[in-house]
């Protein structure tokens, strides 16, 4: 009986490893597995970046599936893959998203929506914008255009949410 109520889980695992003739350094084993996984992820990110499939900025990764859908479908696609709609928080991130928009030559929705107060836009989490790149005279929908799209020049415009725009996600 390797594991009884008197043995904590790590001790139980060590006991089993010893019986099977495996290394008893469970922490070392886990550490090595994590290092290998981290290295593999780093390699895969590099391959995807090299192929133009992703763009990395700081800790964020931006990617597109190339599909044009309405705002809610774009958001759903991103969330289903563990991300959210691309939301530039600074000029560097805006340029990265613009690169994808230019690559596909299609306007893209951003993860920004108009609040209940007409003309006031917020991030999807409800926080106020701390960075903007509005096209001149934008936003101008005055409550009728609740979503935000990015043009191929990186500028933003408020638009209706039912238009088909490129899906760009951030992770």
Protein backbone atom coordinates (compact mmCIF):
# COMPACT_ATOMS: atom_id res chain seq x y z
CA UNK A 1 0.00 0.00 0.00
CA UNK A 2 1.96 2.97 -1.33
CA UNK A 3 -0.56 5.66 -0.57
CA UNK A 4 -2.47 5.69 2.64
CA UNK A 5 -4.12 8.45 4.55
CA UNK A 6 -0.86 9.09 6.43
CA UNK A 7 1.10 10.06 3.30
CA UNK A 8 0.78 13.45 1.67
CA UNK A 9 0.32 13.36 -2.11
CA UNK A 10 3.95 14.24 -3.02
CA UNK A 11 5.23 11.55 -0.61
CA UNK A 12 2.79 9.06 -2.08
CA UNK A 13 4.01 9.82 -5.61
CA UNK A 14 7.65 9.56 -4.46
CA UNK A 15 6.86 6.17 -2.93
CA UNK A 16 5.33 4.94 -6.20
CA UNK A 17 8.25 6.34 -8.25
CA UNK A 18 10.75 4.53 -5.95
CA UNK A 19 8.91 1.22 -6.30
CA UNK A 20 8.89 1.57 -10.09
CA UNK A 21 12.57 2.42 -10.17
CA UNK A 22 11.94 5.98 -11.36
CA UNK A 23 13.60 9.14 -10.16
CA UNK A 24 12.41 10.18 -6.73
CA UNK A 25 12.96 13.83 -7.49
CA UNK A 26 9.39 14.63 -8.48
CA UNK A 27 10.04 18.38 -8.41
CA UNK A 28 13.01 17.98 -10.76
CA UNK A 29 10.93 15.89 -13.13
CA UNK A 30 8.15 18.48 -13.21
CA UNK A 31 10.67 21.27 -13.62
CA UNK A 32 12.21 19.53 -16.65
CA UNK A 33 8.81 18.88 -18.20
CA UNK A 34 7.87 22.55 -17.78
CA UNK A 35 11.18 23.70 -19.28
CA UNK A 36 10.66 21.43 -22.28
CA UNK A 37 7.08 22.65 -22.75
CA UNK A 38 8.18 26.28 -22.49
CA UNK A 39 10.92 25.73 -25.09
CA UNK A 40 8.49 23.97 -27.42
CA UNK A 41 5.95 26.80 -27.12
CA UNK A 42 8.68 29.34 -27.82
CA UNK A 43 9.65 27.39 -30.96
CA UNK A 44 6.06 27.16 -32.16
CA UNK A 45 5.52 30.90 -31.60
CA UNK A 46 8.63 31.52 -33.69
CA UNK A 47 7.38 29.33 -36.55
CA UNK A 48 3.97 31.01 -36.52
CA UNK A 49 5.56 34.47 -36.45
CA UNK A 50 7.91 33.53 -39.30
CA UNK A 51 4.94 32.40 -41.39
CA UNK A 52 3.09 35.64 -40.68
CA UNK A 53 0.38 33.86 -38.72
CA UNK A 54 0.94 35.75 -35.47
CA UNK A 55 2.39 39.05 -34.32
CA UNK A 56 3.93 39.36 -30.86
CA UNK A 57 4.09 42.62 -28.91
CA UNK A 58 5.34 42.35 -25.35
CA UNK A 59 3.32 39.63 -23.67
CA UNK A 60 0.49 39.81 -26.22
CA UNK A 61 0.06 37.72 -29.35
CA UNK A 62 -2.23 38.98 -32.15
CA UNK A 63 -3.61 36.63 -34.79
CA UNK A 64 -6.35 36.42 -37.42
CA UNK A 65 -8.20 33.50 -38.93
CA UNK A 66 -8.80 35.63 -42.04
CA UNK A 67 -12.59 35.45 -41.62
CA UNK A 68 -14.92 38.42 -41.90
CA UNK A 69 -17.93 38.26 -39.60
CA UNK A 70 -20.10 40.59 -37.50
CA UNK A 71 -18.85 41.88 -34.15
CA UNK A 72 -20.50 39.29 -31.90
CA UNK A 73 -19.28 36.40 -34.09
CA UNK A 74 -15.74 37.82 -34.13
CA UNK A 75 -15.75 38.14 -30.35
CA UNK A 76 -17.12 34.61 -29.98
CA UNK A 77 -14.42 33.20 -32.31
CA UNK A 78 -11.70 34.82 -30.23
CA UNK A 79 -13.18 33.71 -26.91
CA UNK A 80 -13.62 30.12 -28.14
CA UNK A 81 -9.85 29.96 -28.71
CA UNK A 82 -8.95 31.44 -25.34
CA UNK A 83 -8.52 35.07 -26.39
CA UNK A 84 -10.54 38.19 -26.99
CA UNK A 85 -10.87 40.75 -29.77
CA UNK A 86 -7.68 42.68 -30.38
CA UNK A 87 -7.57 45.76 -28.18
CA UNK A 88 -4.64 48.13 -28.68
CA UNK A 89 -3.47 49.68 -25.41
CA UNK A 90 -0.65 51.70 -26.98
CA UNK A 91 0.85 52.74 -30.31
CA UNK A 92 3.03 49.63 -30.60
CA UNK A 93 0.02 47.32 -30.24
CA UNK A 94 -1.99 49.48 -32.65
CA UNK A 95 0.78 49.12 -35.25
CA UNK A 96 0.89 45.35 -34.75
CA UNK A 97 -2.86 45.03 -35.35
CA UNK A 98 -2.59 47.42 -38.30
CA UNK A 99 0.01 45.08 -39.82
CA UNK A 100 -2.53 42.24 -39.80
CA UNK A 101 -5.26 44.53 -41.15
CA UNK A 102 -2.94 45.59 -43.99
CA UNK A 103 -1.91 42.00 -44.69
CA UNK A 104 -5.54 41.03 -45.30
CA UNK A 105 -6.44 44.45 -46.74
CA UNK A 106 -9.64 44.38 -44.67
CA UNK A 107 -10.96 46.55 -41.85
CA UNK A 108 -11.14 44.80 -38.47
CA UNK A 109 -13.27 45.12 -35.36
CA UNK A 110 -11.49 46.09 -32.15
CA UNK A 111 -12.40 44.99 -28.61
CA UNK A 112 -13.97 48.37 -27.87
CA UNK A 113 -17.67 49.30 -27.64
CA UNK A 114 -19.71 52.40 -26.99
CA UNK A 115 -21.03 52.69 -23.45
CA UNK A 116 -24.57 53.70 -22.54
CA UNK A 117 -23.42 57.33 -22.78
CA UNK A 118 -23.36 58.23 -26.49
CA UNK A 119 -19.87 58.97 -27.75
CA UNK A 120 -18.15 57.35 -24.76
CA UNK A 121 -16.23 54.20 -25.69
CA UNK A 122 -14.87 51.58 -23.32
CA UNK A 123 -12.89 48.36 -23.38
CA UNK A 124 -14.91 45.15 -23.31
CA UNK A 125 -14.26 44.89 -19.55
CA UNK A 126 -16.00 48.25 -19.03
CA UNK A 127 -12.84 50.24 -18.33
CA UNK A 128 -12.42 53.64 -20.03
CA UNK A 129 -9.99 53.89 -22.95
CA UNK A 130 -6.45 54.88 -22.02
CA UNK A 131 -5.25 54.93 -25.65
CA UNK A 132 -7.09 55.96 -28.82
CA UNK A 133 -6.28 56.44 -32.49
CA UNK A 134 -9.52 57.89 -33.87
CA UNK A 135 -9.75 58.99 -37.48
CA UNK A 136 -10.30 62.76 -37.72
CA UNK A 137 -13.89 63.72 -36.78
CA UNK A 138 -14.46 60.30 -35.15
CA UNK A 139 -16.27 58.97 -33.27
CA UNK A 140 -19.34 60.51 -34.86
CA UNK A 141 -22.12 57.91 -34.61
CA UNK A 142 -23.64 59.56 -31.53
CA UNK A 143 -25.08 56.34 -30.18
CA UNK A 144 -25.96 54.70 -33.52
CA UNK A 145 -22.54 53.10 -34.12
CA UNK A 146 -21.63 51.00 -31.10
CA UNK A 147 -18.54 49.16 -32.40
CA UNK A 148 -15.07 50.28 -33.46
CA UNK A 149 -13.20 49.22 -36.57
CA UNK A 150 -9.59 49.76 -37.58
CA UNK A 151 -8.76 51.00 -41.06
CA UNK A 152 -5.72 49.78 -42.98
CA UNK A 153 -3.90 52.98 -41.93
CA UNK A 154 -4.39 52.09 -38.24
CA UNK A 155 -7.00 54.78 -37.57
CA UNK A 156 -10.27 53.96 -35.82
CA UNK A 157 -13.88 54.68 -36.74
CA UNK A 158 -17.11 53.92 -34.90
CA UNK A 159 -19.37 51.64 -36.94
CA UNK A 160 -22.47 49.50 -36.68
CA UNK A 161 -21.82 46.06 -35.21
CA UNK A 162 -23.61 44.06 -37.92
CA UNK A 163 -21.04 44.72 -40.66
CA UNK A 164 -18.65 41.97 -41.70
CA UNK A 165 -15.11 42.79 -40.62
CA UNK A 166 -11.86 40.86 -40.23
CA UNK A 167 -11.48 38.88 -37.02
CA UNK A 168 -8.27 39.75 -35.16
CA UNK A 169 -7.77 38.21 -31.73
CA UNK A 170 -5.33 38.80 -28.92
CA UNK A 171 -3.94 36.23 -26.51
